[in-house]
Amino acid sequence: MLSIVIPIHNEEPSILPLYDRLTAVLESIQKPYEIIAVDDASTDRSFDLLANLVETDGRLKVIRLRSNFGQSAALSAGFDEAQGSV
């Protein structure tokens, strides 16, 4: 399984285009995958958009950090949750 970990902080305008492009590429390689988005205490609608996507895509997981811990901590939280070997 391929695991994609994406740190998110106030990325509202980028979330849907990124999700659409990423899932198109991942579907084309025809291997199992998961996408783990780690919301690093966004103050915009980033988490809401991700939460809506989770309802329709079982391969997407969302982790919400309670405070802004930074990109490294967000990546670490995502890696801890990842099921894939890559």
PDB file of N, CA and C in Angstrom:
ATOM      1  N   MET A   1       0.843  -1.188   0.000  1.00  0.00           N
ATOM      2  CA  MET A   1       0.000   0.000   0.000  1.00  0.00           C
ATOM      3  C   MET A   1       0.884   1.245   0.000  1.00  0.00           C
ATOM      4  N   LEU A   2       0.445   2.224  -0.717  1.00  0.00           N
ATOM      5  CA  LEU A   2       1.121   3.509  -0.785  1.00  0.00           C
ATOM      6  C   LEU A   2       0.405   4.481   0.144  1.00  0.00           C
ATOM      7  N   SER A   3       1.148   5.128   1.023  1.00  0.00           N
ATOM      8  CA  SER A   3       0.580   6.120   1.939  1.00  0.00           C
ATOM      9  C   SER A   3       1.105   7.496   1.570  1.00  0.00           C
ATOM     10  N   ILE A   4       0.190   8.426   1.369  1.00  0.00           N
ATOM     11  CA  ILE A   4       0.531   9.816   1.068  1.00  0.00           C
ATOM     12  C   ILE A   4       0.152  10.643   2.293  1.00  0.00           C
ATOM     13  N   VAL A   5       1.125  11.348   2.867  1.00  0.00           N
ATOM     14  CA  VAL A   5       0.876  12.190   4.037  1.00  0.00           C
ATOM     15  C   VAL A   5       1.029  13.650   3.613  1.00  0.00           C
ATOM     16  N   ILE A   6      -0.006  14.439   3.909  1.00  0.00           N
ATOM     17  CA  ILE A   6      -0.012  15.839   3.491  1.00  0.00           C
ATOM     18  C   ILE A   6      -0.265  16.723   4.713  1.00  0.00           C
ATOM     19  N   PRO A   7       0.704  17.553   5.103  1.00  0.00           N
ATOM     20  CA  PRO A   7       0.443  18.522   6.168  1.00  0.00           C
ATOM     21  C   PRO A   7      -0.383  19.683   5.602  1.00  0.00           C
ATOM     22  N   ILE A   8      -1.369  20.106   6.359  1.00  0.00           N
ATOM     23  CA  ILE A   8      -2.284  21.166   5.911  1.00  0.00           C
ATOM     24  C   ILE A   8      -2.325  22.264   6.964  1.00  0.00           C
ATOM     25  N   HIS A   9      -2.126  23.502   6.535  1.00  0.00           N
ATOM     26  CA  HIS A   9      -2.346  24.652   7.415  1.00  0.00           C
ATOM     27  C   HIS A   9      -2.850  25.812   6.576  1.00  0.00           C
ATOM     28  N   ASN A  10      -4.122  26.129   6.744  1.00  0.00           N
ATOM     29  CA  ASN A  10      -4.761  27.221   6.008  1.00  0.00           C
ATOM     30  C   ASN A  10      -4.551  27.087   4.499  1.00  0.00           C
ATOM     31  N   GLU A  11      -4.966  25.956   3.976  1.00  0.00           N
ATOM     32  CA  GLU A  11      -4.810  25.656   2.548  1.00  0.00           C
ATOM     33  C   GLU A  11      -6.153  25.549   1.838  1.00  0.00           C
ATOM     34  N   GLU A  12      -7.152  26.229   2.327  1.00  0.00           N
ATOM     35  CA  GLU A  12      -8.507  26.120   1.782  1.00  0.00           C
ATOM     36  C   GLU A  12      -8.567  26.172   0.251  1.00  0.00           C
ATOM     37  N   PRO A  13      -7.914  27.146  -0.418  1.00  0.00           N
ATOM     38  CA  PRO A  13      -8.040  27.199  -1.880  1.00  0.00           C
ATOM     39  C   PRO A  13      -7.348  26.038  -2.606  1.00  0.00           C
ATOM     40  N   SER A  14      -6.415  25.393  -1.942  1.00  0.00           N
ATOM     41  CA  SER A  14      -5.619  24.349  -2.595  1.00  0.00           C
ATOM     42  C   SER A  14      -6.151  22.935  -2.395  1.00  0.00           C
ATOM     43  N   ILE A  15      -6.993  22.734  -1.411  1.00  0.00           N
ATOM     44  CA  ILE A  15      -7.376  21.374  -1.026  1.00  0.00           C
ATOM     45  C   ILE A  15      -8.097  20.630  -2.142  1.00  0.00           C
ATOM     46  N   LEU A  16      -9.143  21.191  -2.695  1.00  0.00           N
ATOM     47  CA  LEU A  16      -9.888  20.471  -3.727  1.00  0.00           C
ATOM     48  C   LEU A  16      -9.067  20.218  -4.990  1.00  0.00           C
ATOM     49  N   PRO A  17      -8.331  21.209  -5.519  1.00  0.00           N
ATOM     50  CA  PRO A  17      -7.495  20.909  -6.688  1.00  0.00           C
ATOM     51  C   PRO A  17      -6.428  19.846  -6.398  1.00  0.00           C
ATOM     52  N   LEU A  18      -5.808  19.909  -5.226  1.00  0.00           N
ATOM     53  CA  LEU A  18      -4.805  18.908  -4.860  1.00  0.00           C
ATOM     54  C   LEU A  18      -5.440  17.523  -4.771  1.00  0.00           C
ATOM     55  N   TYR A  19      -6.569  17.426  -4.103  1.00  0.00           N
ATOM     56  CA  TYR A  19      -7.261  16.144  -3.958  1.00  0.00           C
ATOM     57  C   TYR A  19      -7.633  15.572  -5.329  1.00  0.00           C
ATOM     58  N   ASP A  20      -8.195  16.397  -6.189  1.00  0.00           N
ATOM     59  CA  ASP A  20      -8.597  15.933  -7.520  1.00  0.00           C
ATOM     60  C   ASP A  20      -7.407  15.425  -8.331  1.00  0.00           C
ATOM     61  N   ARG A  21      -6.333  16.169  -8.350  1.00  0.00           N
ATOM     62  CA  ARG A  21      -5.148  15.756  -9.119  1.00  0.00           C
ATOM     63  C   ARG A  21      -4.494  14.522  -8.520  1.00  0.00           C
ATOM     64  N   LEU A  22      -4.372  14.520  -7.204  1.00  0.00           N
ATOM     65  CA  LEU A  22      -3.715  13.406  -6.535  1.00  0.00           C
ATOM     66  C   LEU A  22      -4.497  12.105  -6.718  1.00  0.00           C
ATOM     67  N   THR A  23      -5.804  12.152  -6.541  1.00  0.00           N
ATOM     68  CA  THR A  23      -6.586  10.924  -6.699  1.00  0.00           C
ATOM     69  C   THR A  23      -6.584  10.450  -8.148  1.00  0.00           C
ATOM     70  N   ALA A  24      -6.556  11.364  -9.101  1.00  0.00           N
ATOM     71  CA  ALA A  24      -6.488  10.953 -10.509  1.00  0.00           C
ATOM     72  C   ALA A  24      -5.196  10.192 -10.786  1.00  0.00           C
ATOM     73  N   VAL A  25      -4.092  10.696 -10.287  1.00  0.00           N
ATOM     74  CA  VAL A  25      -2.801  10.018 -10.481  1.00  0.00           C
ATOM     75  C   VAL A  25      -2.783   8.682  -9.753  1.00  0.00           C
ATOM     76  N   LEU A  26      -3.236   8.655  -8.507  1.00  0.00           N
ATOM     77  CA  LEU A  26      -3.218   7.421  -7.728  1.00  0.00           C
ATOM     78  C   LEU A  26      -4.129   6.357  -8.328  1.00  0.00           C
ATOM     79  N   GLU A  27      -5.273   6.748  -8.859  1.00  0.00           N
ATOM     80  CA  GLU A  27      -6.157   5.792  -9.523  1.00  0.00           C
ATOM     81  C   GLU A  27      -5.491   5.209 -10.762  1.00  0.00           C
ATOM     82  N   SER A  28      -4.708   6.015 -11.465  1.00  0.00           N
ATOM     83  CA  SER A  28      -4.083   5.546 -12.707  1.00  0.00           C
ATOM     84  C   SER A  28      -2.991   4.507 -12.464  1.00  0.00           C
ATOM     85  N   ILE A  29      -2.381   4.510 -11.279  1.00  0.00           N
ATOM     86  CA  ILE A  29      -1.325   3.518 -11.030  1.00  0.00           C
ATOM     87  C   ILE A  29      -1.887   2.179 -10.562  1.00  0.00           C
ATOM     88  N   GLN A  30      -3.162   2.148 -10.245  1.00  0.00           N
ATOM     89  CA  GLN A  30      -3.889   0.920  -9.914  1.00  0.00           C
ATOM     90  C   GLN A  30      -3.223   0.092  -8.818  1.00  0.00           C
ATOM     91  N   LYS A  31      -2.837   0.760  -7.748  1.00  0.00           N
ATOM     92  CA  LYS A  31      -2.307   0.088  -6.560  1.00  0.00           C
ATOM     93  C   LYS A  31      -3.061   0.638  -5.351  1.00  0.00           C
ATOM     94  N   PRO A  32      -3.166  -0.157  -4.293  1.00  0.00           N
ATOM     95  CA  PRO A  32      -3.857   0.343  -3.102  1.00  0.00           C
ATOM     96  C   PRO A  32      -3.139   1.559  -2.518  1.00  0.00           C
ATOM     97  N   TYR A  33      -3.915   2.513  -2.037  1.00  0.00           N
ATOM     98  CA  TYR A  33      -3.318   3.716  -1.455  1.00  0.00           C
ATOM     99  C   TYR A  33      -4.224   4.279  -0.369  1.00  0.00           C
ATOM    100  N   GLU A  34      -3.626   5.152   0.410  1.00  0.00           N
ATOM    101  CA  GLU A  34      -4.365   5.963   1.371  1.00  0.00           C
ATOM    102  C   GLU A  34      -3.769   7.361   1.343  1.00  0.00           C
ATOM    103  N   ILE A  35      -4.616   8.325   1.608  1.00  0.00           N
ATOM    104  CA  ILE A  35      -4.181   9.714   1.723  1.00  0.00           C
ATOM    105  C   ILE A  35      -4.465  10.137   3.158  1.00  0.00           C
ATOM    106  N   ILE A  36      -3.447  10.637   3.822  1.00  0.00           N
ATOM    107  CA  ILE A  36      -3.601  11.109   5.196  1.00  0.00           C
ATOM    108  C   ILE A  36      -3.315  12.603   5.210  1.00  0.00           C
ATOM    109  N   ALA A  37      -4.354  13.380   5.464  1.00  0.00           N
ATOM    110  CA  ALA A  37      -4.214  14.831   5.556  1.00  0.00           C
ATOM    111  C   ALA A  37      -4.166  15.195   7.036  1.00  0.00           C
ATOM    112  N   VAL A  38      -3.140  15.934   7.412  1.00  0.00           N
ATOM    113  CA  VAL A  38      -2.984  16.344   8.811  1.00  0.00           C
ATOM    114  C   VAL A  38      -3.213  17.849   8.896  1.00  0.00           C
ATOM    115  N   ASP A  39      -4.356  18.223   9.467  1.00  0.00           N
ATOM    116  CA  ASP A  39      -4.686  19.638   9.615  1.00  0.00           C
ATOM    117  C   ASP A  39      -3.991  20.177  10.861  1.00  0.00           C
ATOM    118  N   ASP A  40      -3.065  21.094  10.637  1.00  0.00           N
ATOM    119  CA  ASP A  40      -2.252  21.652  11.714  1.00  0.00           C
ATOM    120  C   ASP A  40      -2.901  22.921  12.263  1.00  0.00           C
ATOM    121  N   ALA A  41      -4.099  22.738  12.828  1.00  0.00           N
ATOM    122  CA  ALA A  41      -4.857  23.833  13.468  1.00  0.00           C
ATOM    123  C   ALA A  41      -5.148  24.990  12.520  1.00  0.00           C
ATOM    124  N   SER A  42      -5.653  24.655  11.342  1.00  0.00           N
ATOM    125  CA  SER A  42      -6.029  25.699  10.381  1.00  0.00           C
ATOM    126  C   SER A  42      -7.124  26.586  10.954  1.00  0.00           C
ATOM    127  N   THR A  43      -7.091  27.848  10.565  1.00  0.00           N
ATOM    128  CA  THR A  43      -8.118  28.793  11.008  1.00  0.00           C
ATOM    129  C   THR A  43      -9.100  29.124   9.884  1.00  0.00           C
ATOM    130  N   ASP A  44      -8.881  28.569   8.706  1.00  0.00           N
ATOM    131  CA  ASP A  44      -9.815  28.743   7.603  1.00  0.00           C
ATOM    132  C   ASP A  44     -10.706  27.504   7.517  1.00  0.00           C
ATOM    133  N   ARG A  45     -11.304  27.233   6.379  1.00  0.00           N
ATOM    134  CA  ARG A  45     -12.221  26.106   6.222  1.00  0.00           C
ATOM    135  C   ARG A  45     -11.522  24.830   5.759  1.00  0.00           C
ATOM    136  N   SER A  46     -10.221  24.749   5.896  1.00  0.00           N
ATOM    137  CA  SER A  46      -9.470  23.569   5.436  1.00  0.00           C
ATOM    138  C   SER A  46     -10.017  22.284   6.044  1.00  0.00           C
ATOM    139  N   PHE A  47     -10.180  22.259   7.350  1.00  0.00           N
ATOM    140  CA  PHE A  47     -10.662  21.043   8.000  1.00  0.00           C
ATOM    141  C   PHE A  47     -12.062  20.676   7.529  1.00  0.00           C
ATOM    142  N   ASP A  48     -12.932  21.648   7.368  1.00  0.00           N
ATOM    143  CA  ASP A  48     -14.302  21.384   6.914  1.00  0.00           C
ATOM    144  C   ASP A  48     -14.308  20.740   5.527  1.00  0.00           C
ATOM    145  N   LEU A  49     -13.487  21.252   4.633  1.00  0.00           N
ATOM    146  CA  LEU A  49     -13.401  20.671   3.285  1.00  0.00           C
ATOM    147  C   LEU A  49     -12.912  19.232   3.350  1.00  0.00           C
ATOM    148  N   LEU A  50     -11.878  18.998   4.154  1.00  0.00           N
ATOM    149  CA  LEU A  50     -11.348  17.641   4.304  1.00  0.00           C
ATOM    150  C   LEU A  50     -12.389  16.712   4.914  1.00  0.00           C
ATOM    151  N   ALA A  51     -13.107  17.187   5.917  1.00  0.00           N
ATOM    152  CA  ALA A  51     -14.142  16.372   6.559  1.00  0.00           C
ATOM    153  C   ALA A  51     -15.229  15.987   5.563  1.00  0.00           C
ATOM    154  N   ASN A  52     -15.577  16.885   4.656  1.00  0.00           N
ATOM    155  CA  ASN A  52     -16.568  16.566   3.626  1.00  0.00           C
ATOM    156  C   ASN A  52     -16.040  15.513   2.661  1.00  0.00           C
ATOM    157  N   LEU A  53     -14.772  15.610   2.306  1.00  0.00           N
ATOM    158  CA  LEU A  53     -14.181  14.633   1.392  1.00  0.00           C
ATOM    159  C   LEU A  53     -14.123  13.240   2.016  1.00  0.00           C
ATOM    160  N   VAL A  54     -13.861  13.178   3.314  1.00  0.00           N
ATOM    161  CA  VAL A  54     -13.791  11.896   4.016  1.00  0.00           C
ATOM    162  C   VAL A  54     -15.113  11.133   3.891  1.00  0.00           C
ATOM    163  N   GLU A  55     -16.215  11.853   3.872  1.00  0.00           N
ATOM    164  CA  GLU A  55     -17.527  11.213   3.790  1.00  0.00           C
ATOM    165  C   GLU A  55     -17.719  10.438   2.497  1.00  0.00           C
ATOM    166  N   THR A  56     -16.999  10.810   1.439  1.00  0.00           N
ATOM    167  CA  THR A  56     -17.177  10.149   0.147  1.00  0.00           C
ATOM    168  C   THR A  56     -15.974   9.315  -0.279  1.00  0.00           C
ATOM    169  N   ASP A  57     -14.881   9.384   0.459  1.00  0.00           N
ATOM    170  CA  ASP A  57     -13.676   8.647   0.077  1.00  0.00           C
ATOM    171  C   ASP A  57     -13.097   7.926   1.292  1.00  0.00           C
ATOM    172  N   GLY A  58     -13.275   6.628   1.328  1.00  0.00           N
ATOM    173  CA  GLY A  58     -12.784   5.830   2.440  1.00  0.00           C
ATOM    174  C   GLY A  58     -11.278   5.688   2.489  1.00  0.00           C
ATOM    175  N   ARG A  59     -10.587   6.111   1.427  1.00  0.00           N
ATOM    176  CA  ARG A  59      -9.118   6.034   1.411  1.00  0.00           C
ATOM    177  C   ARG A  59      -8.483   7.293   1.983  1.00  0.00           C
ATOM    178  N   LEU A  60      -9.297   8.276   2.304  1.00  0.00           N
ATOM    179  CA  LEU A  60      -8.806   9.527   2.877  1.00  0.00           C
ATOM    180  C   LEU A  60      -9.005   9.501   4.393  1.00  0.00           C
ATOM    181  N   LYS A  61      -7.946   9.817   5.115  1.00  0.00           N
ATOM    182  CA  LYS A  61      -8.015   9.966   6.571  1.00  0.00           C
ATOM    183  C   LYS A  61      -7.610  11.393   6.902  1.00  0.00           C
ATOM    184  N   VAL A  62      -8.238  11.950   7.918  1.00  0.00           N
ATOM    185  CA  VAL A  62      -7.901  13.311   8.334  1.00  0.00           C
ATOM    186  C   VAL A  62      -7.576  13.295   9.817  1.00  0.00           C
ATOM    187  N   ILE A  63      -6.452  13.882  10.139  1.00  0.00           N
ATOM    188  CA  ILE A  63      -6.035  14.063  11.527  1.00  0.00           C
ATOM    189  C   ILE A  63      -6.071  15.566  11.792  1.00  0.00           C
ATOM    190  N   ARG A  64      -6.650  15.943  12.916  1.00  0.00           N
ATOM    191  CA  ARG A  64      -6.712  17.369  13.264  1.00  0.00           C
ATOM    192  C   ARG A  64      -5.905  17.600  14.529  1.00  0.00           C
ATOM    193  N   LEU A  65      -4.857  18.398  14.408  1.00  0.00           N
ATOM    194  CA  LEU A  65      -4.038  18.748  15.566  1.00  0.00           C
ATOM    195  C   LEU A  65      -4.695  19.905  16.304  1.00  0.00           C
ATOM    196  N   ARG A  66      -4.643  19.875  17.625  1.00  0.00           N
ATOM    197  CA  ARG A  66      -5.344  20.881  18.427  1.00  0.00           C
ATOM    198  C   ARG A  66      -4.657  22.236  18.427  1.00  0.00           C
ATOM    199  N   SER A  67      -3.353  22.248  18.156  1.00  0.00           N
ATOM    200  CA  SER A  67      -2.582  23.494  18.077  1.00  0.00           C
ATOM    201  C   SER A  67      -1.677  23.421  16.861  1.00  0.00           C
ATOM    202  N   ASN A  68      -1.185  24.564  16.463  1.00  0.00           N
ATOM    203  CA  ASN A  68      -0.258  24.597  15.336  1.00  0.00           C
ATOM    204  C   ASN A  68       1.118  24.161  15.831  1.00  0.00           C
ATOM    205  N   PHE A  69       1.478  22.926  15.505  1.00  0.00           N
ATOM    206  CA  PHE A  69       2.753  22.366  15.948  1.00  0.00           C
ATOM    207  C   PHE A  69       3.832  22.438  14.869  1.00  0.00           C
ATOM    208  N   GLY A  70       3.464  22.812  13.660  1.00  0.00           N
ATOM    209  CA  GLY A  70       4.432  22.927  12.577  1.00  0.00           C
ATOM    210  C   GLY A  70       4.426  21.719  11.647  1.00  0.00           C
ATOM    211  N   GLN A  71       5.074  21.915  10.513  1.00  0.00           N
ATOM    212  CA  GLN A  71       5.071  20.919   9.453  1.00  0.00           C
ATOM    213  C   GLN A  71       5.692  19.595   9.887  1.00  0.00           C
ATOM    214  N   SER A  72       6.801  19.630  10.597  1.00  0.00           N
ATOM    215  CA  SER A  72       7.464  18.383  11.014  1.00  0.00           C
ATOM    216  C   SER A  72       6.578  17.550  11.926  1.00  0.00           C
ATOM    217  N   ALA A  73       5.916  18.191  12.873  1.00  0.00           N
ATOM    218  CA  ALA A  73       5.020  17.472  13.778  1.00  0.00           C
ATOM    219  C   ALA A  73       3.814  16.923  13.017  1.00  0.00           C
ATOM    220  N   ALA A  74       3.311  17.694  12.065  1.00  0.00           N
ATOM    221  CA  ALA A  74       2.175  17.222  11.266  1.00  0.00           C
ATOM    222  C   ALA A  74       2.568  16.001  10.445  1.00  0.00           C
ATOM    223  N   LEU A  75       3.748  16.049   9.828  1.00  0.00           N
ATOM    224  CA  LEU A  75       4.219  14.888   9.067  1.00  0.00           C
ATOM    225  C   LEU A  75       4.401  13.676   9.979  1.00  0.00           C
ATOM    226  N   SER A  76       4.970  13.883  11.138  1.00  0.00           N
ATOM    227  CA  SER A  76       5.180  12.794  12.080  1.00  0.00           C
ATOM    228  C   SER A  76       3.859  12.153  12.500  1.00  0.00           C
ATOM    229  N   ALA A  77       2.849  12.965  12.761  1.00  0.00           N
ATOM    230  CA  ALA A  77       1.531  12.442  13.124  1.00  0.00           C
ATOM    231  C   ALA A  77       0.949  11.610  11.984  1.00  0.00           C
ATOM    232  N   GLY A  78       1.140  12.075  10.768  1.00  0.00           N
ATOM    233  CA  GLY A  78       0.656  11.330   9.603  1.00  0.00           C
ATOM    234  C   GLY A  78       1.410  10.033   9.406  1.00  0.00           C
ATOM    235  N   PHE A  79       2.723  10.052   9.576  1.00  0.00           N
ATOM    236  CA  PHE A  79       3.524   8.831   9.421  1.00  0.00           C
ATOM    237  C   PHE A  79       3.129   7.800  10.470  1.00  0.00           C
ATOM    238  N   ASP A  80       2.831   8.253  11.678  1.00  0.00           N
ATOM    239  CA  ASP A  80       2.401   7.337  12.734  1.00  0.00           C
ATOM    240  C   ASP A  80       1.096   6.633  12.370  1.00  0.00           C
ATOM    241  N   GLU A  81       0.242   7.286  11.640  1.00  0.00           N
ATOM    242  CA  GLU A  81      -1.065   6.740  11.264  1.00  0.00           C
ATOM    243  C   GLU A  81      -1.005   5.898   9.984  1.00  0.00           C
ATOM    244  N   ALA A  82       0.026   6.096   9.192  1.00  0.00           N
ATOM    245  CA  ALA A  82       0.128   5.443   7.877  1.00  0.00           C
ATOM    246  C   ALA A  82       0.189   3.920   7.995  1.00  0.00           C
ATOM    247  N   GLN A  83      -0.531   3.262   7.098  1.00  0.00           N
ATOM    248  CA  GLN A  83      -0.555   1.809   7.042  1.00  0.00           C
ATOM    249  C   GLN A  83       0.395   1.259   5.979  1.00  0.00           C
ATOM    250  N   GLY A  84       0.748   2.072   5.009  1.00  0.00           N
ATOM    251  CA  GLY A  84       1.569   1.619   3.901  1.00  0.00           C
ATOM    252  C   GLY A  84       3.046   1.533   4.231  1.00  0.00           C
ATOM    253  N   SER A  85       3.749   0.858   3.362  1.00  0.00           N
ATOM    254  CA  SER A  85       5.192   0.706   3.551  1.00  0.00           C
ATOM    255  C   SER A  85       5.969   1.803   2.847  1.00  0.00           C
ATOM    256  N   VAL A  86       5.301   2.564   2.020  1.00  0.00           N
ATOM    257  CA  VAL A  86       5.972   3.637   1.278  1.00  0.00           C
ATOM    258  C   VAL A  86       5.331   4.955   1.662  1.00  0.00           C
TER     259      VAL A  86
END
